[in-house]
N, C-alpha and C. Protein backbone atom coordinates (compact mmCIF):
# COMPACT_ATOMS: atom_id res chain seq x y z
N MET A 1 -48.06 22.74 10.78
CA MET A 1 -47.86 22.41 9.39
C MET A 1 -48.83 23.21 8.52
N ASN A 2 -48.35 23.58 7.37
CA ASN A 2 -49.14 24.37 6.45
C ASN A 2 -49.38 23.55 5.19
N ASN A 3 -50.65 23.33 4.84
CA ASN A 3 -51.00 22.62 3.62
C ASN A 3 -51.41 23.62 2.57
N THR A 4 -50.80 23.52 1.39
CA THR A 4 -51.15 24.41 0.29
C THR A 4 -51.19 23.60 -0.99
N THR A 5 -51.69 24.22 -2.01
CA THR A 5 -51.62 23.64 -3.35
C THR A 5 -50.68 24.50 -4.15
N ASN A 6 -49.70 23.87 -4.79
CA ASN A 6 -48.69 24.66 -5.51
C ASN A 6 -49.23 25.08 -6.88
N ALA A 7 -48.40 25.76 -7.64
CA ALA A 7 -48.80 26.32 -8.93
C ALA A 7 -49.24 25.25 -9.93
N THR A 8 -48.78 24.03 -9.75
CA THR A 8 -49.16 22.95 -10.67
C THR A 8 -50.35 22.15 -10.15
N GLY A 9 -50.98 22.62 -9.07
CA GLY A 9 -52.17 21.96 -8.55
C GLY A 9 -51.86 20.78 -7.63
N ARG A 10 -50.64 20.62 -7.21
CA ARG A 10 -50.26 19.51 -6.33
C ARG A 10 -50.30 19.94 -4.88
N ARG A 11 -50.70 19.04 -4.03
CA ARG A 11 -50.76 19.31 -2.59
C ARG A 11 -49.34 19.30 -2.01
N VAL A 12 -49.01 20.36 -1.31
CA VAL A 12 -47.69 20.52 -0.69
C VAL A 12 -47.93 20.79 0.80
N THR A 13 -47.29 19.99 1.66
CA THR A 13 -47.41 20.17 3.09
C THR A 13 -46.06 20.63 3.63
N GLU A 14 -46.03 21.81 4.22
CA GLU A 14 -44.78 22.30 4.80
C GLU A 14 -44.50 21.55 6.09
N LEU A 15 -43.27 21.05 6.21
CA LEU A 15 -42.86 20.30 7.39
C LEU A 15 -41.92 21.09 8.29
N ASP A 16 -41.06 21.90 7.70
CA ASP A 16 -40.07 22.63 8.49
C ASP A 16 -39.49 23.75 7.64
N HIS A 17 -38.93 24.74 8.30
CA HIS A 17 -38.18 25.78 7.61
C HIS A 17 -37.15 26.36 8.58
N SER A 18 -36.10 26.92 8.04
CA SER A 18 -35.09 27.54 8.88
C SER A 18 -34.42 28.66 8.10
N ALA A 19 -33.82 29.58 8.84
CA ALA A 19 -33.13 30.71 8.24
C ALA A 19 -31.95 31.09 9.12
N SER A 20 -30.93 31.63 8.49
CA SER A 20 -29.79 32.15 9.25
C SER A 20 -29.21 33.34 8.49
N CYS A 21 -28.54 34.20 9.25
CA CYS A 21 -28.01 35.42 8.65
C CYS A 21 -26.78 35.86 9.42
N ASP A 22 -25.75 36.26 8.69
CA ASP A 22 -24.57 36.91 9.29
C ASP A 22 -24.11 38.00 8.33
N PRO A 23 -23.08 38.74 8.65
CA PRO A 23 -22.69 39.87 7.79
C PRO A 23 -22.22 39.46 6.38
N HIS A 24 -21.91 38.19 6.17
CA HIS A 24 -21.35 37.75 4.88
C HIS A 24 -22.32 36.95 4.02
N ARG A 25 -23.37 36.38 4.63
CA ARG A 25 -24.29 35.53 3.88
C ARG A 25 -25.58 35.35 4.67
N TYR A 26 -26.61 34.94 3.97
CA TYR A 26 -27.83 34.51 4.64
C TYR A 26 -28.41 33.34 3.88
N SER A 27 -29.20 32.54 4.59
CA SER A 27 -29.72 31.33 3.96
C SER A 27 -31.15 31.06 4.43
N TYR A 28 -31.83 30.27 3.63
CA TYR A 28 -33.20 29.89 3.93
C TYR A 28 -33.41 28.49 3.38
N SER A 29 -34.05 27.64 4.17
CA SER A 29 -34.41 26.31 3.68
C SER A 29 -35.83 26.00 4.10
N ARG A 30 -36.49 25.24 3.26
CA ARG A 30 -37.86 24.82 3.53
C ARG A 30 -37.98 23.35 3.15
N ILE A 31 -38.55 22.55 4.03
CA ILE A 31 -38.79 21.13 3.75
C ILE A 31 -40.29 20.92 3.66
N VAL A 32 -40.70 20.25 2.58
CA VAL A 32 -42.13 20.00 2.33
C VAL A 32 -42.33 18.53 1.97
N ARG A 33 -43.58 18.11 2.08
CA ARG A 33 -43.97 16.78 1.60
C ARG A 33 -44.78 16.99 0.33
N ILE A 34 -44.38 16.29 -0.71
CA ILE A 34 -45.10 16.29 -1.98
C ILE A 34 -45.39 14.83 -2.29
N GLY A 35 -46.65 14.43 -2.17
CA GLY A 35 -46.96 13.01 -2.32
C GLY A 35 -46.25 12.25 -1.21
N GLU A 36 -45.51 11.23 -1.57
CA GLU A 36 -44.76 10.48 -0.56
C GLU A 36 -43.31 10.93 -0.46
N HIS A 37 -42.96 12.00 -1.11
CA HIS A 37 -41.58 12.50 -1.14
C HIS A 37 -41.39 13.66 -0.17
N ARG A 38 -40.19 13.73 0.41
CA ARG A 38 -39.77 14.88 1.21
C ARG A 38 -38.80 15.67 0.35
N VAL A 39 -39.08 16.95 0.18
CA VAL A 39 -38.27 17.82 -0.68
C VAL A 39 -37.77 18.99 0.14
N ARG A 40 -36.50 19.34 -0.07
CA ARG A 40 -35.91 20.50 0.61
C ARG A 40 -35.47 21.51 -0.44
N ALA A 41 -35.93 22.75 -0.29
CA ALA A 41 -35.38 23.87 -1.06
C ALA A 41 -34.34 24.52 -0.15
N ARG A 42 -33.12 24.65 -0.67
CA ARG A 42 -32.02 25.19 0.13
C ARG A 42 -31.34 26.30 -0.67
N ILE A 43 -31.32 27.50 -0.09
CA ILE A 43 -30.78 28.66 -0.78
C ILE A 43 -29.80 29.38 0.14
N GLN A 44 -28.66 29.72 -0.42
CA GLN A 44 -27.68 30.54 0.31
C GLN A 44 -27.32 31.74 -0.54
N ARG A 45 -27.48 32.93 0.02
CA ARG A 45 -27.14 34.18 -0.66
C ARG A 45 -25.87 34.71 0.00
N ASP A 46 -24.78 34.61 -0.69
CA ASP A 46 -23.50 35.09 -0.19
C ASP A 46 -23.22 36.45 -0.84
N TYR A 47 -22.25 37.15 -0.32
CA TYR A 47 -21.84 38.40 -0.94
C TYR A 47 -21.34 38.14 -2.36
N TYR A 48 -20.69 37.00 -2.56
CA TYR A 48 -20.15 36.63 -3.87
C TYR A 48 -21.07 35.62 -4.56
N ARG A 49 -21.33 35.85 -5.84
CA ARG A 49 -22.19 34.97 -6.61
C ARG A 49 -21.68 33.53 -6.62
N ALA A 50 -20.36 33.34 -6.75
CA ALA A 50 -19.79 32.00 -6.83
C ALA A 50 -19.99 31.20 -5.54
N GLN A 51 -20.27 31.88 -4.44
CA GLN A 51 -20.48 31.19 -3.17
C GLN A 51 -21.96 31.13 -2.79
N SER A 52 -22.84 31.49 -3.71
CA SER A 52 -24.28 31.42 -3.50
C SER A 52 -24.82 30.19 -4.21
N CYS A 53 -25.96 29.67 -3.74
CA CYS A 53 -26.55 28.50 -4.40
C CYS A 53 -28.04 28.44 -4.12
N ALA A 54 -28.75 27.73 -4.99
CA ALA A 54 -30.17 27.48 -4.82
C ALA A 54 -30.47 26.11 -5.41
N VAL A 55 -30.86 25.16 -4.55
CA VAL A 55 -31.10 23.79 -4.99
C VAL A 55 -32.38 23.24 -4.39
N ALA A 56 -32.99 22.30 -5.11
CA ALA A 56 -34.09 21.49 -4.60
C ALA A 56 -33.57 20.07 -4.50
N GLU A 57 -33.79 19.47 -3.34
CA GLU A 57 -33.27 18.13 -3.08
C GLU A 57 -34.39 17.24 -2.58
N VAL A 58 -34.30 15.94 -2.87
CA VAL A 58 -35.27 14.97 -2.38
C VAL A 58 -34.56 14.07 -1.37
N LEU A 59 -35.28 13.69 -0.33
CA LEU A 59 -34.73 12.79 0.68
C LEU A 59 -34.83 11.36 0.15
N ALA A 60 -33.67 10.73 -0.01
CA ALA A 60 -33.61 9.37 -0.54
C ALA A 60 -33.87 8.36 0.58
N ASP A 61 -34.09 7.10 0.18
CA ASP A 61 -34.36 6.04 1.15
C ASP A 61 -33.24 5.86 2.16
N ASP A 62 -32.00 6.17 1.77
CA ASP A 62 -30.87 6.03 2.70
C ASP A 62 -30.68 7.28 3.56
N MET A 63 -31.70 8.17 3.57
CA MET A 63 -31.72 9.38 4.39
C MET A 63 -30.64 10.39 4.01
N THR A 64 -30.31 10.46 2.72
CA THR A 64 -29.41 11.48 2.20
C THR A 64 -30.21 12.34 1.24
N TRP A 65 -29.76 13.57 1.06
CA TRP A 65 -30.42 14.50 0.15
C TRP A 65 -29.80 14.38 -1.23
N THR A 66 -30.64 14.21 -2.25
CA THR A 66 -30.20 14.08 -3.63
C THR A 66 -30.72 15.28 -4.42
N CYS A 67 -29.84 15.93 -5.15
CA CYS A 67 -30.21 17.12 -5.90
C CYS A 67 -31.16 16.78 -7.05
N LEU A 68 -32.26 17.52 -7.15
CA LEU A 68 -33.21 17.38 -8.26
C LEU A 68 -33.10 18.53 -9.25
N ALA A 69 -32.92 19.72 -8.73
CA ALA A 69 -32.90 20.91 -9.58
C ALA A 69 -32.06 21.99 -8.91
N ALA A 70 -31.52 22.86 -9.71
CA ALA A 70 -30.73 23.98 -9.20
C ALA A 70 -31.03 25.21 -10.04
N ASP A 71 -30.81 26.36 -9.46
CA ASP A 71 -30.98 27.61 -10.19
C ASP A 71 -29.69 28.42 -10.04
N ASP A 72 -29.09 28.77 -11.14
CA ASP A 72 -27.83 29.51 -11.13
C ASP A 72 -28.05 30.87 -10.47
N PRO A 73 -27.17 31.25 -9.56
CA PRO A 73 -27.32 32.55 -8.89
C PRO A 73 -27.41 33.74 -9.84
N VAL A 74 -26.84 33.63 -11.03
CA VAL A 74 -26.94 34.74 -11.98
C VAL A 74 -28.40 35.07 -12.29
N ASN A 75 -29.31 34.10 -12.12
CA ASN A 75 -30.73 34.30 -12.40
C ASN A 75 -31.48 35.03 -11.29
N TRP A 76 -30.93 35.07 -10.07
CA TRP A 76 -31.69 35.63 -8.96
C TRP A 76 -30.92 36.54 -8.02
N ILE A 77 -29.62 36.52 -8.06
CA ILE A 77 -28.84 37.24 -7.04
C ILE A 77 -29.08 38.75 -7.07
N ASP A 78 -29.25 39.34 -8.24
CA ASP A 78 -29.45 40.79 -8.33
C ASP A 78 -30.82 41.23 -7.82
N ALA A 79 -31.76 40.28 -7.68
CA ALA A 79 -33.09 40.60 -7.17
C ALA A 79 -33.17 40.47 -5.65
N THR A 80 -32.04 40.16 -5.01
CA THR A 80 -32.02 40.02 -3.56
C THR A 80 -31.07 41.05 -2.94
N THR A 81 -31.29 41.31 -1.67
CA THR A 81 -30.47 42.27 -0.94
C THR A 81 -29.10 41.66 -0.62
N PRO A 82 -28.03 42.38 -0.88
CA PRO A 82 -26.70 41.85 -0.51
C PRO A 82 -26.59 41.69 1.01
N PRO A 83 -25.84 40.69 1.47
CA PRO A 83 -25.61 40.53 2.92
C PRO A 83 -24.94 41.77 3.50
N GLY A 84 -25.12 41.96 4.79
CA GLY A 84 -24.47 43.07 5.47
C GLY A 84 -25.14 44.42 5.25
N GLN A 85 -26.35 44.43 4.71
CA GLN A 85 -27.06 45.68 4.42
C GLN A 85 -28.11 45.99 5.48
N GLY A 86 -27.86 45.58 6.71
CA GLY A 86 -28.83 45.81 7.78
C GLY A 86 -29.66 44.57 8.02
N SER A 87 -30.82 44.76 8.60
CA SER A 87 -31.70 43.66 8.94
C SER A 87 -32.31 43.04 7.68
N ILE A 88 -32.11 41.74 7.52
CA ILE A 88 -32.63 41.03 6.35
C ILE A 88 -33.57 39.94 6.84
N HIS A 89 -34.77 39.88 6.28
CA HIS A 89 -35.73 38.81 6.58
C HIS A 89 -35.54 37.74 5.51
N CYS A 90 -34.87 36.67 5.88
CA CYS A 90 -34.45 35.63 4.92
C CYS A 90 -35.63 35.03 4.16
N ALA A 91 -36.72 34.75 4.84
CA ALA A 91 -37.87 34.14 4.17
C ALA A 91 -38.48 35.09 3.14
N THR A 92 -38.48 36.37 3.43
CA THR A 92 -39.00 37.35 2.47
C THR A 92 -38.08 37.44 1.26
N GLU A 93 -36.80 37.51 1.50
CA GLU A 93 -35.82 37.64 0.41
C GLU A 93 -35.77 36.39 -0.47
N LEU A 94 -35.83 35.21 0.13
CA LEU A 94 -35.57 33.97 -0.61
C LEU A 94 -36.78 33.05 -0.74
N GLY A 95 -37.89 33.39 -0.12
CA GLY A 95 -39.07 32.53 -0.14
C GLY A 95 -39.63 32.27 -1.53
N HIS A 96 -39.65 33.30 -2.38
CA HIS A 96 -40.18 33.13 -3.73
C HIS A 96 -39.32 32.12 -4.51
N LEU A 97 -38.02 32.20 -4.35
CA LEU A 97 -37.12 31.25 -5.01
C LEU A 97 -37.33 29.84 -4.46
N ALA A 98 -37.56 29.71 -3.16
CA ALA A 98 -37.86 28.39 -2.57
C ALA A 98 -39.14 27.82 -3.18
N ASP A 99 -40.16 28.66 -3.35
CA ASP A 99 -41.41 28.21 -3.99
C ASP A 99 -41.14 27.69 -5.40
N THR A 100 -40.35 28.42 -6.16
CA THR A 100 -40.03 28.02 -7.53
C THR A 100 -39.31 26.67 -7.55
N LEU A 101 -38.35 26.51 -6.67
CA LEU A 101 -37.61 25.24 -6.61
C LEU A 101 -38.51 24.08 -6.20
N ILE A 102 -39.41 24.31 -5.26
CA ILE A 102 -40.34 23.26 -4.82
C ILE A 102 -41.28 22.88 -5.96
N ASN A 103 -41.77 23.86 -6.71
CA ASN A 103 -42.63 23.57 -7.86
C ASN A 103 -41.88 22.77 -8.93
N ARG A 104 -40.63 23.11 -9.17
CA ARG A 104 -39.83 22.35 -10.14
C ARG A 104 -39.62 20.92 -9.66
N ALA A 105 -39.36 20.74 -8.36
CA ALA A 105 -39.18 19.40 -7.81
C ALA A 105 -40.47 18.58 -7.94
N ALA A 106 -41.61 19.21 -7.68
CA ALA A 106 -42.90 18.51 -7.82
C ALA A 106 -43.10 18.05 -9.27
N ALA A 107 -42.77 18.90 -10.23
CA ALA A 107 -42.93 18.54 -11.63
C ALA A 107 -42.02 17.37 -11.99
N ILE A 108 -40.81 17.35 -11.47
CA ILE A 108 -39.87 16.26 -11.75
C ILE A 108 -40.34 14.96 -11.11
N LEU A 109 -40.79 15.02 -9.87
CA LEU A 109 -41.14 13.80 -9.13
C LEU A 109 -42.49 13.21 -9.54
N LEU A 110 -43.43 14.06 -9.91
CA LEU A 110 -44.80 13.58 -10.07
C LEU A 110 -45.29 13.54 -11.51
N ASP A 111 -44.53 14.05 -12.46
CA ASP A 111 -44.99 14.01 -13.85
C ASP A 111 -44.43 12.81 -14.57
């Protein structure tokens, strides 16, 4: 586990992360603990903008993920490598966006 302090000065503990990649899309997710909340940043970069997404979700008491924040792909898709362009390191491509989503979730949950 990795303990860090996010941009807003809140303690964030990384619990898990995963990545996947194929010729048509790649994805990255990171689950962290912020206070007593579990937050997941989930990003999918597809070849098509309409099939891409970036969301921050909180784990509810009934063990389902509830959306807290989203970022429209028009804001980030051009800054990432299109799928099928050779070897892609998902965490490098999408990690900064995951950080942004986690910081937004922390601001929503703790302010």
